[in-house]
Full PDB file with SEQRES, HELIX, SHEET, SSBOND, CRYST1, ORIGX, SCALE, CONECT and MASTER records, all heavy atoms in Angstrom:
SEQRES   1 A   43  GLY ARG PHE THR ILE SER LEU ASP ASN ALA LYS ASN ILE          
SEQRES   2 A   43  TYR LEU GLN MET ASN SER LEU ARG PRO GLU ASP ALA ALA          
SEQRES   3 A   43  MET TYR TYR CYS ALA ALA GLY ARG ILE LYS GLY PRO ASN          
SEQRES   4 A   43  CYS PRO ARG ASN                                              
HELIX    1 AA1 PRO A   22  ASP A   24  5                                   3    
SHEET    1 AA1 2 PHE A   3  LEU A   7  0                                        
SHEET    2 AA1 2 ILE A  13  MET A  17 -1                                        
CRYST1    1.000    1.000    1.000  90.00  90.00  90.00 P 1           1          
ORIGX1      1.000000  0.000000  0.000000        0.00000                         
ORIGX2      0.000000  1.000000  0.000000        0.00000                         
ORIGX3      0.000000  0.000000  1.000000        0.00000                         
SCALE1      1.000000  0.000000  0.000000        0.00000                         
SCALE2      0.000000  1.000000  0.000000        0.00000                         
SCALE3      0.000000  0.000000  1.000000        0.00000                         
ATOM      1  N   GLY A   1     -37.603  38.491 -22.084  1.00  0.00           N  
ATOM      2  CA  GLY A   1     -36.552  37.544 -22.390  1.00  0.00           C  
ATOM      3  C   GLY A   1     -35.328  37.674 -21.515  1.00  0.00           C  
ATOM      4  O   GLY A   1     -34.482  36.772 -21.508  1.00  0.00           O  
ATOM      5  N   ARG A   2     -35.202  38.782 -20.772  1.00  0.00           N  
ATOM      6  CA  ARG A   2     -34.073  38.985 -19.879  1.00  0.00           C  
ATOM      7  C   ARG A   2     -34.481  39.004 -18.413  1.00  0.00           C  
ATOM      8  O   ARG A   2     -33.727  38.532 -17.565  1.00  0.00           O  
ATOM      9  CB  ARG A   2     -33.357  40.299 -20.204  1.00  0.00           C  
ATOM     10  CG  ARG A   2     -32.767  40.354 -21.601  1.00  0.00           C  
ATOM     11  CD  ARG A   2     -31.874  41.578 -21.759  1.00  0.00           C  
ATOM     12  NE  ARG A   2     -32.623  42.827 -21.598  1.00  0.00           N  
ATOM     13  CZ  ARG A   2     -32.297  43.797 -20.746  1.00  0.00           C  
ATOM     14  NH1 ARG A   2     -31.222  43.667 -19.973  1.00  0.00           N  
ATOM     15  NH2 ARG A   2     -33.029  44.902 -20.682  1.00  0.00           N  
ATOM     16  N   PHE A   3     -35.650  39.571 -18.121  1.00  0.00           N  
ATOM     17  CA  PHE A   3     -36.129  39.698 -16.752  1.00  0.00           C  
ATOM     18  C   PHE A   3     -37.295  38.749 -16.524  1.00  0.00           C  
ATOM     19  O   PHE A   3     -38.097  38.494 -17.431  1.00  0.00           O  
ATOM     20  CB  PHE A   3     -36.612  41.119 -16.460  1.00  0.00           C  
ATOM     21  CG  PHE A   3     -35.539  42.177 -16.441  1.00  0.00           C  
ATOM     22  CD1 PHE A   3     -34.241  41.915 -16.853  1.00  0.00           C  
ATOM     23  CD2 PHE A   3     -35.853  43.453 -16.002  1.00  0.00           C  
ATOM     24  CE1 PHE A   3     -33.266  42.905 -16.835  1.00  0.00           C  
ATOM     25  CE2 PHE A   3     -34.886  44.447 -15.974  1.00  0.00           C  
ATOM     26  CZ  PHE A   3     -33.603  44.178 -16.387  1.00  0.00           C  
ATOM     27  N   THR A   4     -37.415  38.253 -15.301  1.00  0.00           N  
ATOM     28  CA  THR A   4     -38.510  37.368 -14.934  1.00  0.00           C  
ATOM     29  C   THR A   4     -39.100  37.817 -13.608  1.00  0.00           C  
ATOM     30  O   THR A   4     -38.376  37.966 -12.624  1.00  0.00           O  
ATOM     31  CB  THR A   4     -38.045  35.910 -14.815  1.00  0.00           C  
ATOM     32  OG1 THR A   4     -37.450  35.489 -16.046  1.00  0.00           O  
ATOM     33  CG2 THR A   4     -39.223  35.003 -14.497  1.00  0.00           C  
ATOM     34  N   ILE A   5     -40.405  38.041 -13.596  1.00  0.00           N  
ATOM     35  CA  ILE A   5     -41.103  38.361 -12.362  1.00  0.00           C  
ATOM     36  C   ILE A   5     -41.698  37.084 -11.798  1.00  0.00           C  
ATOM     37  O   ILE A   5     -42.184  36.232 -12.537  1.00  0.00           O  
ATOM     38  CB  ILE A   5     -42.189  39.439 -12.592  1.00  0.00           C  
ATOM     39  CG1 ILE A   5     -42.761  39.942 -11.265  1.00  0.00           C  
ATOM     40  CG2 ILE A   5     -43.294  38.941 -13.513  1.00  0.00           C  
ATOM     41  CD1 ILE A   5     -43.662  41.166 -11.408  1.00  0.00           C  
ATOM     42  N   SER A   6     -41.658  36.941 -10.490  1.00  0.00           N  
ATOM     43  CA  SER A   6     -42.222  35.763  -9.860  1.00  0.00           C  
ATOM     44  C   SER A   6     -42.808  36.128  -8.509  1.00  0.00           C  
ATOM     45  O   SER A   6     -42.520  37.186  -7.948  1.00  0.00           O  
ATOM     46  CB  SER A   6     -41.181  34.646  -9.718  1.00  0.00           C  
ATOM     47  OG  SER A   6     -40.087  35.059  -8.928  1.00  0.00           O  
ATOM     48  N   LEU A   7     -43.636  35.239  -8.007  1.00  0.00           N  
ATOM     49  CA  LEU A   7     -44.365  35.442  -6.764  1.00  0.00           C  
ATOM     50  C   LEU A   7     -44.279  34.160  -5.966  1.00  0.00           C  
ATOM     51  O   LEU A   7     -44.517  33.075  -6.507  1.00  0.00           O  
ATOM     52  CB  LEU A   7     -45.825  35.794  -7.081  1.00  0.00           C  
ATOM     53  CG  LEU A   7     -46.813  35.919  -5.939  1.00  0.00           C  
ATOM     54  CD1 LEU A   7     -46.569  37.204  -5.169  1.00  0.00           C  
ATOM     55  CD2 LEU A   7     -48.235  35.893  -6.489  1.00  0.00           C  
ATOM     56  N   ASP A   8     -43.942  34.257  -4.686  1.00  0.00           N  
ATOM     57  CA  ASP A   8     -43.899  33.055  -3.869  1.00  0.00           C  
ATOM     58  C   ASP A   8     -45.161  32.945  -3.023  1.00  0.00           C  
ATOM     59  O   ASP A   8     -46.054  33.786  -3.078  1.00  0.00           O  
ATOM     60  CB  ASP A   8     -42.617  32.996  -3.025  1.00  0.00           C  
ATOM     61  CG  ASP A   8     -42.539  34.039  -1.927  1.00  0.00           C  
ATOM     62  OD1 ASP A   8     -43.568  34.661  -1.587  1.00  0.00           O  
ATOM     63  OD2 ASP A   8     -41.433  34.236  -1.394  1.00  0.00           O  
ATOM     64  N   ASN A   9     -45.236  31.878  -2.221  1.00  0.00           N  
ATOM     65  CA  ASN A   9     -46.453  31.618  -1.452  1.00  0.00           C  
ATOM     66  C   ASN A   9     -46.702  32.630  -0.348  1.00  0.00           C  
ATOM     67  O   ASN A   9     -47.828  32.749   0.134  1.00  0.00           O  
ATOM     68  CB  ASN A   9     -46.402  30.205  -0.863  1.00  0.00           C  
ATOM     69  CG  ASN A   9     -46.505  29.133  -1.915  1.00  0.00           C  
ATOM     70  OD1 ASN A   9     -47.077  29.340  -2.985  1.00  0.00           O  
ATOM     71  ND2 ASN A   9     -45.958  27.962  -1.619  1.00  0.00           N  
ATOM     72  N   ALA A  10     -45.675  33.349   0.051  1.00  0.00           N  
ATOM     73  CA  ALA A  10     -45.799  34.390   1.064  1.00  0.00           C  
ATOM     74  C   ALA A  10     -46.119  35.752   0.461  1.00  0.00           C  
ATOM     75  O   ALA A  10     -46.087  36.750   1.174  1.00  0.00           O  
ATOM     76  CB  ALA A  10     -44.522  34.468   1.897  1.00  0.00           C  
ATOM     77  N   LYS A  11     -46.397  35.805  -0.836  1.00  0.00           N  
ATOM     78  CA  LYS A  11     -46.723  37.024  -1.568  1.00  0.00           C  
ATOM     79  C   LYS A  11     -45.530  37.964  -1.732  1.00  0.00           C  
ATOM     80  O   LYS A  11     -45.703  39.150  -1.968  1.00  0.00           O  
ATOM     81  CB  LYS A  11     -47.897  37.762  -0.929  1.00  0.00           C  
ATOM     82  CG  LYS A  11     -49.185  36.939  -0.853  1.00  0.00           C  
ATOM     83  CD  LYS A  11     -49.680  36.567  -2.235  1.00  0.00           C  
ATOM     84  CE  LYS A  11     -51.061  35.924  -2.178  1.00  0.00           C  
ATOM     85  NZ  LYS A  11     -51.009  34.580  -1.552  1.00  0.00           N  
ATOM     86  N   ASN A  12     -44.340  37.438  -1.597  1.00  0.00           N  
ATOM     87  CA  ASN A  12     -43.150  38.193  -1.966  1.00  0.00           C  
ATOM     88  C   ASN A  12     -42.979  38.135  -3.474  1.00  0.00           C  
ATOM     89  O   ASN A  12     -43.277  37.116  -4.108  1.00  0.00           O  
ATOM     90  CB  ASN A  12     -41.913  37.613  -1.286  1.00  0.00           C  
ATOM     91  CG  ASN A  12     -42.036  37.616   0.216  1.00  0.00           C  
ATOM     92  OD1 ASN A  12     -42.329  38.630   0.819  1.00  0.00           O  
ATOM     93  ND2 ASN A  12     -41.804  36.444   0.821  1.00  0.00           N  
ATOM     94  N   ILE A  13     -42.509  39.224  -4.055  1.00  0.00           N  
ATOM     95  CA  ILE A  13     -42.253  39.243  -5.485  1.00  0.00           C  
ATOM     96  C   ILE A  13     -40.757  39.398  -5.732  1.00  0.00           C  
ATOM     97  O   ILE A  13     -40.026  39.974  -4.927  1.00  0.00           O  
ATOM     98  CB  ILE A  13     -43.042  40.337  -6.230  1.00  0.00           C  
ATOM     99  CG1 ILE A  13     -42.733  41.725  -5.668  1.00  0.00           C  
ATOM    100  CG2 ILE A  13     -44.529  40.051  -6.186  1.00  0.00           C  
ATOM    101  CD1 ILE A  13     -43.223  42.843  -6.573  1.00  0.00           C  
ATOM    102  N   TYR A  14     -40.343  38.878  -6.877  1.00  0.00           N  
ATOM    103  CA  TYR A  14     -38.943  38.878  -7.249  1.00  0.00           C  
ATOM    104  C   TYR A  14     -38.808  39.348  -8.687  1.00  0.00           C  
ATOM    105  O   TYR A  14     -39.723  39.202  -9.498  1.00  0.00           O  
ATOM    106  CB  TYR A  14     -38.345  37.479  -7.108  1.00  0.00           C  
ATOM    107  CG  TYR A  14     -38.514  36.903  -5.732  1.00  0.00           C  
ATOM    108  CD1 TYR A  14     -39.640  36.151  -5.410  1.00  0.00           C  
ATOM    109  CD2 TYR A  14     -37.566  37.133  -4.741  1.00  0.00           C  
ATOM    110  CE1 TYR A  14     -39.813  35.634  -4.137  1.00  0.00           C  
ATOM    111  CE2 TYR A  14     -37.730  36.619  -3.473  1.00  0.00           C  
ATOM    112  CZ  TYR A  14     -38.846  35.877  -3.175  1.00  0.00           C  
ATOM    113  OH  TYR A  14     -39.012  35.368  -1.910  1.00  0.00           O  
ATOM    114  N   LEU A  15     -37.674  39.911  -8.985  1.00  0.00           N  
ATOM    115  CA  LEU A  15     -37.333  40.243 -10.358  1.00  0.00           C  
ATOM    116  C   LEU A  15     -35.939  39.708 -10.630  1.00  0.00           C  
ATOM    117  O   LEU A  15     -34.951  40.258 -10.138  1.00  0.00           O  
ATOM    118  CB  LEU A  15     -37.391  41.754 -10.608  1.00  0.00           C  
ATOM    119  CG  LEU A  15     -37.230  42.177 -12.063  1.00  0.00           C  
ATOM    120  CD1 LEU A  15     -38.438  41.729 -12.890  1.00  0.00           C  
ATOM    121  CD2 LEU A  15     -37.035  43.680 -12.182  1.00  0.00           C  
ATOM    122  N   GLN A  16     -35.881  38.625 -11.373  1.00  0.00           N  
ATOM    123  CA  GLN A  16     -34.605  38.075 -11.811  1.00  0.00           C  
ATOM    124  C   GLN A  16     -34.180  38.815 -13.062  1.00  0.00           C  
ATOM    125  O   GLN A  16     -34.891  38.796 -14.066  1.00  0.00           O  
ATOM    126  CB  GLN A  16     -34.732  36.579 -12.087  1.00  0.00           C  
ATOM    127  CG  GLN A  16     -33.453  35.925 -12.593  1.00  0.00           C  
ATOM    128  CD  GLN A  16     -32.358  35.933 -11.558  1.00  0.00           C  
ATOM    129  OE1 GLN A  16     -32.582  35.563 -10.412  1.00  0.00           O  
ATOM    130  NE2 GLN A  16     -31.167  36.361 -11.959  1.00  0.00           N  
ATOM    131  N   MET A  17     -33.039  39.473 -13.005  1.00  0.00           N  
ATOM    132  CA  MET A  17     -32.549  40.295 -14.095  1.00  0.00           C  
ATOM    133  C   MET A  17     -31.272  39.674 -14.635  1.00  0.00           C  
ATOM    134  O   MET A  17     -30.268  39.593 -13.922  1.00  0.00           O  
ATOM    135  CB  MET A  17     -32.294  41.728 -13.639  1.00  0.00           C  
ATOM    136  CG  MET A  17     -33.503  42.382 -12.987  1.00  0.00           C  
ATOM    137  SD  MET A  17     -33.250  44.142 -12.660  1.00  0.00           S  
ATOM    138  CE  MET A  17     -31.918  44.053 -11.459  1.00  0.00           C  
ATOM    139  N   ASN A  18     -31.313  39.245 -15.875  1.00  0.00           N  
ATOM    140  CA  ASN A  18     -30.170  38.649 -16.543  1.00  0.00           C  
ATOM    141  C   ASN A  18     -29.741  39.519 -17.718  1.00  0.00           C  
ATOM    142  O   ASN A  18     -30.498  40.349 -18.200  1.00  0.00           O  
ATOM    143  CB  ASN A  18     -30.508  37.242 -17.039  1.00  0.00           C  
ATOM    144  CG  ASN A  18     -30.867  36.294 -15.930  1.00  0.00           C  
ATOM    145  OD1 ASN A  18     -30.322  36.367 -14.825  1.00  0.00           O  
ATOM    146  ND2 ASN A  18     -31.792  35.380 -16.211  1.00  0.00           N  
ATOM    147  N   SER A  19     -28.531  39.288 -18.175  1.00  0.00           N  
ATOM    148  CA  SER A  19     -27.993  40.008 -19.337  1.00  0.00           C  
ATOM    149  C   SER A  19     -28.145  41.512 -19.176  1.00  0.00           C  
ATOM    150  O   SER A  19     -28.606  42.216 -20.078  1.00  0.00           O  
ATOM    151  CB  SER A  19     -28.673  39.530 -20.620  1.00  0.00           C  
ATOM    152  OG  SER A  19     -28.501  38.141 -20.803  1.00  0.00           O  
ATOM    153  N   LEU A  20     -27.741  42.014 -18.024  1.00  0.00           N  
ATOM    154  CA  LEU A  20     -27.916  43.431 -17.729  1.00  0.00           C  
ATOM    155  C   LEU A  20     -27.059  44.300 -18.643  1.00  0.00           C  
ATOM    156  O   LEU A  20     -25.937  43.940 -18.992  1.00  0.00           O  
ATOM    157  CB  LEU A  20     -27.593  43.707 -16.269  1.00  0.00           C  
ATOM    158  CG  LEU A  20     -28.689  43.265 -15.295  1.00  0.00           C  
ATOM    159  CD1 LEU A  20     -28.150  43.187 -13.881  1.00  0.00           C  
ATOM    160  CD2 LEU A  20     -29.874  44.225 -15.364  1.00  0.00           C  
ATOM    161  N   ARG A  21     -27.621  45.431 -19.006  1.00  0.00           N  
ATOM    162  CA  ARG A  21     -26.983  46.400 -19.884  1.00  0.00           C  
ATOM    163  C   ARG A  21     -26.809  47.719 -19.151  1.00  0.00           C  
ATOM    164  O   ARG A  21     -27.524  47.993 -18.190  1.00  0.00           O  
ATOM    165  CB  ARG A  21     -27.857  46.623 -21.123  1.00  0.00           C  
ATOM    166  CG  ARG A  21     -28.218  45.356 -21.873  1.00  0.00           C  
ATOM    167  CD  ARG A  21     -29.387  45.604 -22.806  1.00  0.00           C  
ATOM    168  NE  ARG A  21     -29.762  44.402 -23.541  1.00  0.00           N  
ATOM    169  CZ  ARG A  21     -30.864  44.276 -24.250  1.00  0.00           C  
ATOM    170  NH1 ARG A  21     -31.720  45.292 -24.337  1.00  0.00           N  
ATOM    171  NH2 ARG A  21     -31.120  43.140 -24.882  1.00  0.00           N  
ATOM    172  N   PRO A  22     -25.872  48.557 -19.602  1.00  0.00           N  
ATOM    173  CA  PRO A  22     -25.709  49.856 -18.943  1.00  0.00           C  
ATOM    174  C   PRO A  22     -27.000  50.669 -18.898  1.00  0.00           C  
ATOM    175  O   PRO A  22     -27.235  51.387 -17.918  1.00  0.00           O  
ATOM    176  CB  PRO A  22     -24.641  50.547 -19.797  1.00  0.00           C  
ATOM    177  CG  PRO A  22     -23.827  49.422 -20.335  1.00  0.00           C  
ATOM    178  CD  PRO A  22     -24.812  48.311 -20.596  1.00  0.00           C  
ATOM    179  N   GLU A  23     -27.841  50.560 -19.903  1.00  0.00           N  
ATOM    180  CA  GLU A  23     -29.094  51.302 -19.910  1.00  0.00           C  
ATOM    181  C   GLU A  23     -30.112  50.780 -18.903  1.00  0.00           C  
ATOM    182  O   GLU A  23     -31.151  51.408 -18.690  1.00  0.00           O  
ATOM    183  CB  GLU A  23     -29.721  51.323 -21.313  1.00  0.00           C  
ATOM    184  CG  GLU A  23     -29.948  49.943 -21.915  1.00  0.00           C  
ATOM    185  CD  GLU A  23     -28.838  49.511 -22.851  1.00  0.00           C  
ATOM    186  OE1 GLU A  23     -27.657  49.790 -22.551  1.00  0.00           O  
ATOM    187  OE2 GLU A  23     -29.140  48.900 -23.892  1.00  0.00           O  
ATOM    188  N   ASP A  24     -29.832  49.644 -18.274  1.00  0.00           N  
ATOM    189  CA  ASP A  24     -30.686  49.139 -17.207  1.00  0.00           C  
ATOM    190  C   ASP A  24     -30.417  49.823 -15.872  1.00  0.00           C  
ATOM    191  O   ASP A  24     -31.171  49.619 -14.916  1.00  0.00           O  
ATOM    192  CB  ASP A  24     -30.502  47.631 -17.030  1.00  0.00           C  
ATOM    193  CG  ASP A  24     -30.992  46.831 -18.223  1.00  0.00           C  
ATOM    194  OD1 ASP A  24     -32.061  47.173 -18.779  1.00  0.00           O  
ATOM    195  OD2 ASP A  24     -30.317  45.849 -18.593  1.00  0.00           O  
ATOM    196  N   ALA A  25     -29.360  50.587 -15.769  1.00  0.00           N  
ATOM    197  CA  ALA A  25     -29.033  51.266 -14.523  1.00  0.00           C  
ATOM    198  C   ALA A  25     -30.139  52.243 -14.154  1.00  0.00           C  
ATOM    199  O   ALA A  25     -30.536  53.084 -14.964  1.00  0.00           O  
ATOM    200  CB  ALA A  25     -27.697  51.983 -14.641  1.00  0.00           C  
ATOM    201  N   ALA A  26     -30.657  52.128 -12.953  1.00  0.00           N  
ATOM    202  CA  ALA A  26     -31.773  52.955 -12.509  1.00  0.00           C  
ATOM    203  C   ALA A  26     -32.089  52.615 -11.062  1.00  0.00           C  
ATOM    204  O   ALA A  26     -31.527  51.686 -10.482  1.00  0.00           O  
ATOM    205  CB  ALA A  26     -33.015  52.720 -13.373  1.00  0.00           C  
ATOM    206  N   MET A  27     -33.002  53.386 -10.489  1.00  0.00           N  
ATOM    207  CA  MET A  27     -33.610  53.010  -9.231  1.00  0.00           C  
ATOM    208  C   MET A  27     -34.798  52.104  -9.550  1.00  0.00           C  
ATOM    209  O   MET A  27     -35.652  52.461 -10.371  1.00  0.00           O  
ATOM    210  CB  MET A  27     -34.068  54.236  -8.458  1.00  0.00           C  
ATOM    211  CG  MET A  27     -34.570  53.929  -7.055  1.00  0.00           C  
ATOM    212  SD  MET A  27     -33.241  53.490  -5.907  1.00  0.00           S  
ATOM    213  CE  MET A  27     -32.489  55.098  -5.654  1.00  0.00           C  
ATOM    214  N   TYR A  28     -34.843  50.953  -8.920  1.00  0.00           N  
ATOM    215  CA  TYR A  28     -35.895  49.975  -9.166  1.00  0.00           C  
ATOM    216  C   TYR A  28     -36.863  49.953  -7.992  1.00  0.00           C  
ATOM    217  O   TYR A  28     -36.453  49.943  -6.827  1.00  0.00           O  
ATOM    218  CB  TYR A  28     -35.296  48.587  -9.380  1.00  0.00           C  
ATOM    219  CG  TYR A  28     -34.710  48.402 -10.757  1.00  0.00           C  
ATOM    220  CD1 TYR A  28     -33.560  49.083 -11.138  1.00  0.00           C  
ATOM    221  CD2 TYR A  28     -35.311  47.554 -11.688  1.00  0.00           C  
ATOM    222  CE1 TYR A  28     -33.028  48.935 -12.405  1.00  0.00           C  
ATOM    223  CE2 TYR A  28     -34.784  47.389 -12.952  1.00  0.00           C  
ATOM    224  CZ  TYR A  28     -33.642  48.081 -13.307  1.00  0.00           C  
ATOM    225  OH  TYR A  28     -33.119  47.912 -14.575  1.00  0.00           O  
ATOM    226  N   TYR A  29     -38.151  49.922  -8.321  1.00  0.00           N  
ATOM    227  CA  TYR A  29     -39.209  49.963  -7.326  1.00  0.00           C  
ATOM    228  C   TYR A  29     -40.181  48.810  -7.531  1.00  0.00           C  
ATOM    229  O   TYR A  29     -40.530  48.478  -8.664  1.00  0.00           O  
ATOM    230  CB  TYR A  29     -40.021  51.257  -7.427  1.00  0.00           C  
ATOM    231  CG  TYR A  29     -39.223  52.526  -7.265  1.00  0.00           C  
ATOM    232  CD1 TYR A  29     -38.645  53.148  -8.357  1.00  0.00           C  
ATOM    233  CD2 TYR A  29     -39.081  53.108  -6.006  1.00  0.00           C  
ATOM    234  CE1 TYR A  29     -37.933  54.324  -8.210  1.00  0.00           C  
ATOM    235  CE2 TYR A  29     -38.367  54.283  -5.854  1.00  0.00           C  
ATOM    236  CZ  TYR A  29     -37.795  54.889  -6.959  1.00  0.00           C  
ATOM    237  OH  TYR A  29     -37.090  56.057  -6.809  1.00  0.00           O  
ATOM    238  N   CYS A  30     -40.637  48.223  -6.447  1.00  0.00           N  
ATOM    239  CA  CYS A  30     -41.781  47.337  -6.519  1.00  0.00           C  
ATOM    240  C   CYS A  30     -43.024  48.106  -6.102  1.00  0.00           C  
ATOM    241  O   CYS A  30     -42.950  49.098  -5.367  1.00  0.00           O  
ATOM    242  CB  CYS A  30     -41.602  46.075  -5.665  1.00  0.00           C  
ATOM    243  SG  CYS A  30     -41.494  46.342  -3.891  1.00  0.00           S  
ATOM    244  N   ALA A  31     -44.160  47.660  -6.593  1.00  0.00           N  
ATOM    245  CA  ALA A  31     -45.405  48.367  -6.354  1.00  0.00           C  
ATOM    246  C   ALA A  31     -46.557  47.378  -6.300  1.00  0.00           C  
ATOM    247  O   ALA A  31     -46.476  46.279  -6.844  1.00  0.00           O  
ATOM    248  CB  ALA A  31     -45.657  49.409  -7.450  1.00  0.00           C  
ATOM    249  N   ALA A  32     -47.641  47.796  -5.663  1.00  0.00           N  
ATOM    250  CA  ALA A  32     -48.846  46.984  -5.567  1.00  0.00           C  
ATOM    251  C   ALA A  32     -50.064  47.854  -5.794  1.00  0.00           C  
ATOM    252  O   ALA A  32     -50.108  49.015  -5.369  1.00  0.00           O  
ATOM    253  CB  ALA A  32     -48.939  46.295  -4.204  1.00  0.00           C  
ATOM    254  N   GLY A  33     -51.059  47.301  -6.466  1.00  0.00           N  
ATOM    255  CA  GLY A  33     -52.306  48.002  -6.709  1.00  0.00           C  
ATOM    256  C   GLY A  33     -53.420  47.027  -7.011  1.00  0.00           C  
ATOM    257  O   GLY A  33     -53.178  45.874  -7.364  1.00  0.00           O  
ATOM    258  N   ARG A  34     -54.639  47.508  -6.883  1.00  0.00           N  
ATOM    259  CA  ARG A  34     -55.805  46.667  -7.127  1.00  0.00           C  
ATOM    260  C   ARG A  34     -56.062  46.527  -8.621  1.00  0.00           C  
ATOM    261  O   ARG A  34     -55.946  47.491  -9.381  1.00  0.00           O  
ATOM    262  CB  ARG A  34     -57.044  47.262  -6.453  1.00  0.00           C  
ATOM    263  CG  ARG A  34     -56.941  47.399  -4.931  1.00  0.00           C  
ATOM    264  CD  ARG A  34     -56.908  46.046  -4.235  1.00  0.00           C  
ATOM    265  NE  ARG A  34     -58.118  45.270  -4.445  1.00  0.00           N  
ATOM    266  CZ  ARG A  34     -59.205  45.339  -3.687  1.00  0.00           C  
ATOM    267  NH1 ARG A  34     -59.240  46.166  -2.652  1.00  0.00           N  
ATOM    268  NH2 ARG A  34     -60.251  44.579  -3.948  1.00  0.00           N  
ATOM    269  N   ILE A  35     -56.421  45.320  -9.022  1.00  0.00           N  
ATOM    270  CA  ILE A  35     -56.801  45.102 -10.405  1.00  0.00           C  
ATOM    271  C   ILE A  35     -58.240  45.566 -10.597  1.00  0.00           C  
ATOM    272  O   ILE A  35     -59.089  45.399  -9.718  1.00  0.00           O  
ATOM    273  CB  ILE A  35     -56.617  43.619 -10.796  1.00  0.00           C  
ATOM    274  CG1 ILE A  35     -56.685  43.447 -12.313  1.00  0.00           C  
ATOM    275  CG2 ILE A  35     -57.628  42.733 -10.086  1.00  0.00           C  
ATOM    276  CD1 ILE A  35     -56.240  42.073 -12.782  1.00  0.00           C  
ATOM    277  N   LYS A  36     -58.517  46.171 -11.729  1.00  0.00           N  
ATOM    278  CA  LYS A  36     -59.854  46.651 -12.043  1.00  0.00           C  
ATOM    279  C   LYS A  36     -60.453  45.984 -13.267  1.00  0.00           C  
ATOM    280  O   LYS A  36     -61.660  45.781 -13.330  1.00  0.00           O  
ATOM    281  CB  LYS A  36     -59.836  48.169 -12.246  1.00  0.00           C  
ATOM    282  CG  LYS A  36     -59.466  48.952 -11.004  1.00  0.00           C  
ATOM    283  CD  LYS A  36     -59.463  50.442 -11.277  1.00  0.00           C  
ATOM    284  CE  LYS A  36     -59.099  51.233 -10.036  1.00  0.00           C  
ATOM    285  NZ  LYS A  36     -59.093  52.696 -10.295  1.00  0.00           N  
ATOM    286  N   GLY A  37     -59.627  45.665 -14.232  1.00  0.00           N  
ATOM    287  CA  GLY A  37     -60.065  45.007 -15.447  1.00  0.00           C  
ATOM    288  C   GLY A  37     -59.448  43.634 -15.570  1.00  0.00           C  
ATOM    289  O   GLY A  37     -59.005  43.043 -14.585  1.00  0.00           O  
ATOM    290  N   PRO A  38     -59.407  43.120 -16.793  1.00  0.00           N  
ATOM    291  CA  PRO A  38     -58.852  41.779 -16.985  1.00  0.00           C  
ATOM    292  C   PRO A  38     -57.344  41.702 -16.841  1.00  0.00           C  
ATOM    293  O   PRO A  38     -56.811  40.604 -16.633  1.00  0.00           O  
ATOM    294  CB  PRO A  38     -59.287  41.430 -18.414  1.00  0.00           C  
ATOM    295  CG  PRO A  38     -59.441  42.748 -19.090  1.00  0.00           C  
ATOM    296  CD  PRO A  38     -59.954  43.679 -18.038  1.00  0.00           C  
ATOM    297  N   ASN A  39     -56.651  42.833 -16.954  1.00  0.00           N  
ATOM    298  CA  ASN A  39     -55.198  42.854 -16.900  1.00  0.00           C  
ATOM    299  C   ASN A  39     -54.714  43.824 -15.836  1.00  0.00           C  
ATOM    300  O   ASN A  39     -55.395  44.796 -15.502  1.00  0.00           O  
ATOM    301  CB  ASN A  39     -54.611  43.254 -18.250  1.00  0.00           C  
ATOM    302  CG  ASN A  39     -55.072  42.363 -19.375  1.00  0.00           C  
ATOM    303  OD1 ASN A  39     -55.751  42.808 -20.295  1.00  0.00           O  
ATOM    304  ND2 ASN A  39     -54.699  41.086 -19.315  1.00  0.00           N  
ATOM    305  N   CYS A  40     -53.528  43.572 -15.328  1.00  0.00           N  
ATOM    306  CA  CYS A  40     -52.916  44.501 -14.392  1.00  0.00           C  
ATOM    307  C   CYS A  40     -52.559  45.802 -15.098  1.00  0.00           C  
ATOM    308  O   CYS A  40     -52.191  45.798 -16.276  1.00  0.00           O  
ATOM    309  CB  CYS A  40     -51.650  43.896 -13.789  1.00  0.00           C  
ATOM    310  SG  CYS A  40     -51.944  42.595 -12.578  1.00  0.00           S  
ATOM    311  N   PRO A  41     -52.646  46.924 -14.395  1.00  0.00           N  
ATOM    312  CA  PRO A  41     -52.256  48.193 -15.013  1.00  0.00           C  
ATOM    313  C   PRO A  41     -50.762  48.253 -15.276  1.00  0.00           C  
ATOM    314  O   PRO A  41     -49.967  47.588 -14.608  1.00  0.00           O  
ATOM    315  CB  PRO A  41     -52.693  49.234 -13.986  1.00  0.00           C  
ATOM    316  CG  PRO A  41     -52.727  48.504 -12.687  1.00  0.00           C  
ATOM    317  CD  PRO A  41     -53.138  47.101 -13.020  1.00  0.00           C  
ATOM    318  N   ARG A  42     -50.389  49.104 -16.247  1.00  0.00           N  
ATOM    319  CA  ARG A  42     -48.991  49.267 -16.613  1.00  0.00           C  
ATOM    320  C   ARG A  42     -48.423  50.620 -16.211  1.00  0.00           C  
ATOM    321  O   ARG A  42     -47.205  50.787 -16.205  1.00  0.00           O  
ATOM    322  CB  ARG A  42     -48.821  49.069 -18.120  1.00  0.00           C  
ATOM    323  CG  ARG A  42     -49.293  47.704 -18.608  1.00  0.00           C  
ATOM    324  CD  ARG A  42     -49.190  47.594 -20.118  1.00  0.00           C  
ATOM    325  NE  ARG A  42     -49.785  46.364 -20.618  1.00  0.00           N  
ATOM    326  CZ  ARG A  42     -49.855  46.033 -21.896  1.00  0.00           C  
ATOM    327  NH1 ARG A  42     -49.365  46.846 -22.817  1.00  0.00           N  
ATOM    328  NH2 ARG A  42     -50.416  44.886 -22.254  1.00  0.00           N  
ATOM    329  N   ASN A  43     -49.285  51.566 -15.891  1.00  0.00           N  
ATOM    330  CA  ASN A  43     -48.852  52.908 -15.541  1.00  0.00           C  
ATOM    331  C   ASN A  43     -48.581  53.015 -14.047  1.00  0.00           C  
ATOM    332  O   ASN A  43     -49.335  52.487 -13.229  1.00  0.00           O  
ATOM    333  CB  ASN A  43     -49.898  53.936 -15.944  1.00  0.00           C  
ATOM    334  CG  ASN A  43     -50.080  54.026 -17.438  1.00  0.00           C  
ATOM    335  OD1 ASN A  43     -49.121  53.901 -18.197  1.00  0.00           O  
ATOM    336  ND2 ASN A  43     -51.305  54.255 -17.877  1.00  0.00           N  
TER     337      ASN A  43                                                      
MASTER        0    0    0    1    2    0    0    6  336    1    0    4          
END                                                                             
């Protein structure tokens, strides 16, 4: 409800972050991996 992930035609990914809170402060990383099952991994 606050963050939105998106993908453009060039395979760039974005994270739109709204309503940021102090607890959101962190180092943010993007990552890529192969899908193995019906859903993307979360770990």
